[in-house]
Amino acid sequence: MSVLAAIAVLAVLILVHELGHFVAARSQGIHVNRFSLGFGPVLWKYQGAETEYAIRAFPLGGFVGFPDDDPDSDIPPNDPNLLRNRPILDRAIVISAGVIANLIFAYMLLVAQVGFVGIGQASQPGVSIQQLAPEVSAVATNAGLKPGDVILSANQKEFGTSLQEIEALRDIIKNNPGKSIQLQVARGDERLSVNVIPEAKPAGGSIGIGLAPNGKVERRPVSLDKAFSVGASEFQRIVIMTFKGFGQLITNFGETAGQVAGPIKIVEIGANIAQNDTASLFFFAALISINLAIINILPLPALDGGQLAFLLIEGLRGKPLPNRIQEGVMQTGLVLLLGLGIFLIVKETTQLTTQLEWVQKLFQ
């Protein structure tokens, strides 16, 4: 059931994305002849007045079809309500609507999470040192830090009960390689002042410690009037984290390429969350929805961002690129994306025991 829950989450996010395109087109009077959730063989379909609605066998995808290039369509090619005959702004709204829908949906999921389910908070302030990892860096060991120590502050920044304090401490360590960091540490009833100098690594500074919340993690729902602002903060944090992840993938490709996840890995992570902490499915869904939006807006062929790039070129040139060029670029991009998808599926089928570290940190 946990696997089905994870697949259902992905199917809902895809449905939201495609509904964004569909609603943006229909609200402007643009013809839409197909709306499909999934790919492959048709399991169910319904023919509406103009649009065919279908559910297909493989739910990890979907599409909205337009009659512009349908040879069987009886709509005249000069019809002003064909997508290709609309002004650039109208087309841009339709193309970007899926991304916008995913972002709005992610925000509403986070509002629901913090308002009704609650967000995790540690029972005590500070960040606990769970373990030392001298094989990564011996800085903490040489400084005298021990497992069970609680870091109360770093460079005068005090740490409270929020789970995000762990990321804040990690950022301080990563952003100060070779520079002294003053830590205030609690060890039982003792209060210690410890100076550490993070060792420079390709991904930033490191002192060789594993971190955890201090005490038990408890869920504390916030009042509905505060849920929107807290949800916005969580939304901003995930967006920033996602962009940082993409940045690390580009700048440290050799080290981070192995963390790229395909559909099987995403389903596996979602299944583990559904089994161990169902309430965190809201966060999982919001995280994937934001990632789906950001990936789709990248200016890559076969993605929404690639189509927007074509519109930008059309606006600058005053006319669209020749169809043969657009089709060639889009087909090449589609082949590359399909190839990447097949590679990830094969790789993940043989490595189902591996987990994405940044997702584990988010839901710990």
Protein backbone atom coordinates (compact mmCIF):
# COMPACT_ATOMS: atom_id res chain seq x y z
CA MET A 1 0.00 0.00 0.00
CA SER A 2 2.91 2.37 0.69
CA VAL A 3 4.14 1.95 -2.91
CA LEU A 4 0.65 2.68 -4.21
CA ALA A 5 0.51 5.79 -2.00
CA ALA A 6 3.79 7.05 -3.47
CA ILE A 7 2.62 6.37 -7.03
CA ALA A 8 -0.67 8.14 -6.22
CA VAL A 9 1.27 11.20 -5.01
CA LEU A 10 3.24 11.35 -8.27
CA ALA A 11 0.08 10.84 -10.32
CA VAL A 12 -1.64 13.72 -8.50
CA LEU A 13 1.33 16.04 -9.11
CA ILE A 14 1.34 15.16 -12.81
CA LEU A 15 -2.42 15.68 -12.94
CA VAL A 16 -2.01 19.13 -11.35
CA HIS A 17 0.70 20.03 -13.88
CA GLU A 18 -1.38 18.99 -16.89
CA LEU A 19 -4.50 20.63 -15.47
CA GLY A 20 -2.54 23.88 -15.35
CA HIS A 21 -1.92 23.69 -19.12
CA PHE A 22 -5.49 22.56 -19.78
CA VAL A 23 -7.23 25.25 -17.72
CA ALA A 24 -4.96 28.00 -19.08
CA ALA A 25 -5.83 26.96 -22.65
CA ARG A 26 -9.56 26.43 -22.21
CA SER A 27 -10.01 29.64 -20.21
CA GLN A 28 -8.64 31.53 -23.24
CA GLY A 29 -10.85 29.64 -25.69
CA ILE A 30 -7.92 27.70 -27.19
CA HIS A 31 -8.80 24.32 -28.71
CA VAL A 32 -7.68 21.25 -26.74
CA ASN A 33 -8.38 17.83 -28.21
CA ARG A 34 -6.68 15.51 -25.68
CA PHE A 35 -6.08 15.36 -21.96
CA SER A 36 -4.22 12.28 -20.78
CA LEU A 37 -2.94 11.12 -17.41
CA GLY A 38 -0.17 8.63 -18.09
CA PHE A 39 1.40 7.14 -21.19
CA GLY A 40 1.00 3.90 -23.08
CA PRO A 41 -2.17 1.84 -23.62
CA VAL A 42 -5.48 3.50 -22.81
CA LEU A 43 -7.22 2.05 -19.75
CA TRP A 44 -10.20 4.41 -19.78
CA LYS A 45 -11.30 7.30 -21.95
CA TYR A 46 -14.22 9.66 -22.34
CA GLN A 47 -14.95 11.77 -25.40
CA GLY A 48 -16.25 15.18 -24.45
CA ALA A 49 -17.66 17.81 -26.77
CA GLU A 50 -14.16 18.69 -27.99
CA THR A 51 -11.63 16.95 -25.76
CA GLU A 52 -10.83 13.27 -25.24
CA TYR A 53 -10.02 12.50 -21.59
CA ALA A 54 -7.95 9.36 -20.97
CA ILE A 55 -6.15 7.40 -18.27
CA ARG A 56 -3.26 5.34 -19.57
CA ALA A 57 -1.32 2.40 -18.22
CA PHE A 58 1.84 4.15 -17.01
CA PRO A 59 0.95 6.97 -14.58
CA LEU A 60 4.41 8.59 -14.39
CA GLY A 61 3.64 11.22 -17.03
CA GLY A 62 0.85 12.89 -18.92
CA PHE A 63 0.10 15.35 -21.70
CA VAL A 64 -2.34 17.90 -23.05
CA GLY A 65 -2.85 17.57 -26.81
CA PHE A 66 -3.69 20.38 -29.20
CA PRO A 67 -5.19 19.91 -32.69
CA ASP A 68 -2.63 22.23 -34.31
CA ASP A 69 -0.58 19.41 -35.80
CA ASP A 70 -3.24 16.69 -35.80
CA PRO A 71 -3.71 15.57 -39.43
CA ASP A 72 -7.16 14.16 -38.56
CA SER A 73 -8.43 17.43 -37.09
CA ASP A 74 -11.26 19.12 -38.99
CA ILE A 75 -10.43 22.55 -37.54
CA PRO A 76 -9.27 24.97 -40.28
CA PRO A 77 -5.52 25.73 -40.03
CA ASN A 78 -6.23 29.48 -39.88
CA ASP A 79 -8.64 29.15 -36.92
CA PRO A 80 -7.69 31.93 -34.45
CA ASN A 81 -8.28 29.59 -31.51
CA LEU A 82 -5.56 27.16 -32.49
CA LEU A 83 -2.64 27.50 -30.08
CA ARG A 84 -0.13 28.28 -32.82
CA ASN A 85 -2.28 31.17 -34.09
CA ARG A 86 -2.48 32.91 -30.73
CA PRO A 87 -0.23 35.83 -29.68
CA ILE A 88 3.03 34.99 -27.95
CA LEU A 89 1.71 36.03 -24.53
CA ASP A 90 -1.30 33.70 -24.78
CA ARG A 91 0.96 30.79 -25.72
CA ALA A 92 3.43 31.63 -22.95
CA ILE A 93 0.61 31.54 -20.39
CA VAL A 94 -0.46 28.08 -21.56
CA ILE A 95 3.10 26.71 -21.60
CA SER A 96 4.06 28.09 -18.18
CA ALA A 97 0.73 27.27 -16.49
CA GLY A 98 1.82 23.73 -15.57
CA VAL A 99 4.83 25.04 -13.66
CA ILE A 100 2.72 27.69 -11.94
CA ALA A 101 0.11 25.07 -10.97
CA ASN A 102 2.79 22.85 -9.40
CA LEU A 103 4.22 25.75 -7.39
CA ILE A 104 0.80 26.86 -6.12
CA PHE A 105 -0.13 23.28 -5.25
CA ALA A 106 3.16 22.80 -3.36
CA TYR A 107 2.50 25.93 -1.32
CA MET A 108 -1.03 24.79 -0.43
CA LEU A 109 0.32 21.37 0.60
CA LEU A 110 2.78 23.05 2.95
CA VAL A 111 0.05 25.26 4.41
CA ALA A 112 -2.05 22.14 5.06
CA GLN A 113 0.96 20.40 6.60
CA VAL A 114 1.81 23.13 9.10
CA GLY A 115 -1.82 24.08 9.80
CA PHE A 116 -3.40 20.66 10.31
CA VAL A 117 -0.62 18.07 10.70
CA GLY A 118 2.09 20.25 12.19
CA ILE A 119 5.79 20.60 11.54
CA GLY A 120 8.52 18.72 13.34
CA GLN A 121 10.35 20.49 16.13
CA ALA A 122 12.93 19.24 18.58
CA SER A 123 11.90 19.07 22.22
CA GLN A 124 15.06 20.98 23.26
CA PRO A 125 17.07 23.79 21.63
CA GLY A 126 20.40 23.17 19.97
CA VAL A 127 21.83 20.64 17.52
CA SER A 128 23.03 17.28 18.79
CA ILE A 129 26.23 15.62 17.60
CA GLN A 130 25.03 12.14 16.75
CA GLN A 131 28.38 10.71 15.72
CA LEU A 132 31.91 11.62 14.69
CA ALA A 133 33.17 10.73 11.23
CA PRO A 134 36.98 11.02 11.33
CA GLU A 135 37.19 9.26 7.96
CA VAL A 136 35.55 12.39 6.48
CA SER A 137 37.37 14.97 8.59
CA ALA A 138 39.16 14.69 11.93
CA VAL A 139 38.61 18.36 12.87
CA ALA A 140 35.84 17.67 15.39
CA THR A 141 37.76 14.77 16.96
CA ASN A 142 40.92 16.86 17.33
CA ALA A 143 38.89 19.73 18.83
CA GLY A 144 37.61 17.41 21.58
CA LEU A 145 33.98 17.20 20.48
CA LYS A 146 32.16 14.02 21.48
CA PRO A 147 28.98 12.18 20.44
CA GLY A 148 26.09 13.45 22.55
CA ASP A 149 27.43 17.01 22.74
CA VAL A 150 24.84 19.67 21.94
CA ILE A 151 25.91 22.69 19.87
CA LEU A 152 23.99 25.67 21.23
CA SER A 153 25.45 28.32 18.94
CA ALA A 154 28.01 28.86 16.17
CA ASN A 155 29.65 32.24 15.63
CA GLN A 156 27.07 33.75 18.01
CA LYS A 157 24.11 32.34 16.07
CA GLU A 158 21.95 30.52 18.60
CA PHE A 159 20.09 27.38 17.61
CA GLY A 160 16.49 26.83 18.67
CA THR A 161 14.16 23.86 18.29
CA SER A 162 13.46 24.10 14.55
CA LEU A 163 14.70 21.17 12.49
CA GLN A 164 16.10 23.71 10.04
CA GLU A 165 18.75 24.62 12.64
CA ILE A 166 20.64 21.55 11.45
CA GLU A 167 20.84 22.98 7.92
CA ALA A 168 21.80 26.37 9.34
CA LEU A 169 24.75 24.82 11.20
CA ARG A 170 25.77 22.83 8.13
CA ASP A 171 25.74 26.04 6.07
CA ILE A 172 27.97 27.82 8.59
CA ILE A 173 30.46 24.95 8.45
CA LYS A 174 30.35 24.65 4.64
CA ASN A 175 30.72 28.40 4.09
CA ASN A 176 33.77 28.80 6.34
CA PRO A 177 36.48 26.42 5.11
CA GLY A 178 39.82 27.33 6.68
CA LYS A 179 38.21 29.87 9.03
CA SER A 180 37.75 29.58 12.78
CA ILE A 181 34.21 28.92 14.01
CA GLN A 182 33.40 29.44 17.69
CA LEU A 183 30.99 26.83 19.03
CA GLN A 184 29.13 26.98 22.33
CA VAL A 185 28.65 23.38 23.41
CA ALA A 186 26.62 21.73 26.17
CA ARG A 187 28.00 18.47 27.56
CA GLY A 188 25.69 17.39 30.34
CA ASP A 189 25.72 20.27 32.84
CA GLU A 190 28.95 21.71 31.41
CA ARG A 191 29.14 24.65 28.98
CA LEU A 192 32.19 24.64 26.72
CA SER A 193 33.59 27.03 24.16
CA VAL A 194 35.24 25.22 21.26
CA ASN A 195 36.98 26.66 18.21
CA VAL A 196 37.04 24.56 15.05
CA ILE A 197 38.50 25.28 11.62
CA PRO A 198 36.57 23.37 8.91
CA GLU A 199 38.68 21.40 6.49
CA ALA A 200 38.27 22.54 2.87
CA LYS A 201 36.44 19.99 0.70
CA PRO A 202 35.11 20.27 -2.89
CA ALA A 203 31.57 20.73 -1.53
CA GLY A 204 32.64 23.21 1.19
CA GLY A 205 33.96 23.08 4.74
CA SER A 206 33.73 19.90 6.82
CA ILE A 207 34.52 19.03 10.43
CA GLY A 208 33.42 15.37 10.39
CA ILE A 209 30.25 15.25 12.51
CA GLY A 210 26.81 13.72 12.07
CA LEU A 211 23.99 15.96 13.32
CA ALA A 212 20.54 15.29 14.73
CA PRO A 213 17.76 17.23 16.49
CA ASN A 214 18.26 17.69 20.24
CA GLY A 215 15.74 15.49 22.04
CA LYS A 216 12.55 14.04 20.63
CA VAL A 217 10.96 15.35 17.43
CA GLU A 218 7.37 16.49 18.05
CA ARG A 219 4.73 17.80 15.65
CA ARG A 220 3.19 21.11 16.62
CA PRO A 221 0.40 22.45 14.40
CA VAL A 222 0.25 26.23 14.10
CA SER A 223 -2.89 28.35 14.01
CA LEU A 224 -4.50 28.71 10.61
CA ASP A 225 -3.73 32.43 10.42
CA LYS A 226 -0.02 31.64 10.85
CA ALA A 227 -0.07 28.59 8.58
CA PHE A 228 0.12 30.72 5.43
CA SER A 229 3.24 32.60 6.55
CA VAL A 230 4.94 29.48 7.95
CA GLY A 231 4.00 27.59 4.78
CA ALA A 232 5.55 30.40 2.73
CA SER A 233 8.77 30.11 4.74
CA GLU A 234 8.87 26.36 4.18
CA PHE A 235 8.13 26.91 0.48
CA GLN A 236 11.00 29.40 0.19
CA ARG A 237 13.36 27.05 2.04
CA ILE A 238 12.59 24.11 -0.28
CA VAL A 239 12.94 26.27 -3.41
CA ILE A 240 16.33 27.57 -2.24
CA MET A 241 17.42 24.04 -1.30
CA THR A 242 16.36 22.77 -4.71
CA PHE A 243 18.29 25.47 -6.58
CA LYS A 244 21.34 24.76 -4.41
CA GLY A 245 21.03 21.10 -5.34
CA PHE A 246 20.95 21.93 -9.04
CA GLY A 247 23.90 24.26 -8.54
CA GLN A 248 25.93 21.51 -6.87
CA LEU A 249 24.96 19.11 -9.66
CA ILE A 250 26.45 21.53 -12.20
CA THR A 251 29.55 22.62 -10.27
CA ASN A 252 30.38 19.21 -8.75
CA PHE A 253 28.88 16.90 -11.35
CA GLY A 254 31.29 14.05 -10.70
CA GLU A 255 30.37 13.89 -7.01
CA THR A 256 26.64 14.63 -7.21
CA ALA A 257 25.59 12.86 -10.42
CA GLY A 258 25.01 9.66 -8.46
CA GLN A 259 22.34 11.43 -6.41
CA VAL A 260 20.10 12.08 -9.42
CA ALA A 261 16.88 10.14 -8.95
CA GLY A 262 14.49 8.68 -11.48
CA PRO A 263 10.91 7.50 -11.06
CA ILE A 264 11.75 4.20 -9.32
CA LYS A 265 13.90 5.92 -6.70
CA ILE A 266 11.29 8.61 -6.09
CA VAL A 267 8.60 5.97 -5.63
CA GLU A 268 10.86 4.04 -3.25
CA ILE A 269 11.53 7.11 -1.12
CA GLY A 270 7.83 8.01 -1.11
CA ALA A 271 6.93 4.43 -0.13
CA ASN A 272 9.34 4.53 2.82
CA ILE A 273 7.86 7.83 3.96
CA ALA A 274 4.30 6.53 3.57
CA GLN A 275 5.19 3.47 5.64
CA ASN A 276 7.13 5.20 8.41
CA ASP A 277 5.57 8.67 8.62
CA THR A 278 2.42 9.16 6.56
CA ALA A 279 2.06 12.79 7.64
CA SER A 280 5.33 13.64 5.89
CA LEU A 281 3.77 12.74 2.53
CA PHE A 282 2.62 16.37 2.39
CA PHE A 283 6.25 17.52 2.53
CA PHE A 284 7.30 14.80 0.11
CA ALA A 285 4.60 15.84 -2.37
CA ALA A 286 5.50 19.53 -2.01
CA LEU A 287 9.18 18.76 -2.52
CA ILE A 288 8.56 16.72 -5.67
CA SER A 289 6.06 19.29 -6.98
CA ILE A 290 8.61 22.09 -6.64
CA ASN A 291 11.31 19.96 -8.27
CA LEU A 292 8.92 19.09 -11.10
CA ALA A 293 8.21 22.78 -11.64
CA ILE A 294 11.86 23.83 -11.61
CA ILE A 295 12.96 21.01 -13.92
CA ASN A 296 10.17 21.82 -16.39
CA ILE A 297 11.06 25.51 -16.53
CA LEU A 298 14.68 24.81 -17.49
CA PRO A 299 15.37 25.93 -21.09
CA LEU A 300 15.87 22.38 -22.33
CA PRO A 301 14.32 20.79 -25.42
CA ALA A 302 11.08 18.82 -24.86
CA LEU A 303 10.42 20.68 -21.58
CA ASP A 304 8.17 23.68 -20.96
CA GLY A 305 11.25 25.88 -20.60
CA GLY A 306 12.44 24.82 -24.05
CA GLN A 307 9.13 25.88 -25.60
CA LEU A 308 9.30 29.20 -23.76
CA ALA A 309 12.82 29.66 -25.16
CA PHE A 310 11.41 29.21 -28.67
CA LEU A 311 8.78 31.87 -27.90
CA LEU A 312 11.49 34.25 -26.68
CA ILE A 313 13.45 33.73 -29.91
CA GLU A 314 10.25 34.31 -31.89
CA GLY A 315 9.63 37.56 -30.03
CA LEU A 316 13.17 38.76 -30.72
CA ARG A 317 13.14 37.72 -34.40
CA GLY A 318 9.60 38.83 -35.08
CA LYS A 319 8.83 35.41 -36.50
CA PRO A 320 9.15 31.80 -35.29
CA LEU A 321 12.05 29.54 -36.11
CA PRO A 322 11.41 27.22 -39.06
CA ASN A 323 9.36 24.18 -38.11
CA ARG A 324 12.11 21.76 -39.17
CA ILE A 325 14.53 23.37 -36.70
CA GLN A 326 12.03 23.36 -33.84
CA GLU A 327 11.02 19.77 -34.52
CA GLY A 328 14.63 18.64 -34.78
CA VAL A 329 15.61 20.27 -31.49
CA MET A 330 12.52 18.96 -29.69
CA GLN A 331 12.95 15.42 -31.02
CA THR A 332 16.61 15.39 -30.03
CA GLY A 333 15.74 16.63 -26.55
CA LEU A 334 12.99 14.05 -26.21
CA VAL A 335 15.34 11.22 -27.17
CA LEU A 336 17.92 12.44 -24.64
CA LEU A 337 15.32 12.69 -21.87
CA LEU A 338 13.94 9.25 -22.65
CA GLY A 339 17.45 7.86 -22.70
CA LEU A 340 18.17 9.42 -19.31
CA GLY A 341 14.90 8.04 -17.95
CA ILE A 342 15.67 4.52 -19.18
CA PHE A 343 19.20 4.73 -17.76
CA LEU A 344 17.91 5.81 -14.34
CA ILE A 345 15.27 3.09 -14.29
CA VAL A 346 17.83 0.39 -15.10
CA LYS A 347 20.33 1.80 -12.60
CA GLU A 348 17.76 2.12 -9.82
CA THR A 349 16.27 -1.31 -10.41
CA THR A 350 19.65 -2.78 -9.44
CA GLN A 351 20.35 -0.31 -6.61
CA LEU A 352 17.10 -0.05 -4.66
CA THR A 353 18.96 0.03 -1.33
CA THR A 354 20.43 3.51 -1.97
CA GLN A 355 18.61 6.55 -0.53
CA LEU A 356 18.93 10.22 -1.46
CA GLU A 357 20.81 11.88 1.44
CA TRP A 358 19.09 15.27 1.12
CA VAL A 359 15.61 13.70 1.23
CA GLN A 360 16.56 11.68 4.29
CA LYS A 361 17.75 14.87 6.01
CA LEU A 362 14.47 16.59 5.20
CA PHE A 363 12.32 13.84 6.74
CA GLN A 364 14.52 12.72 9.63
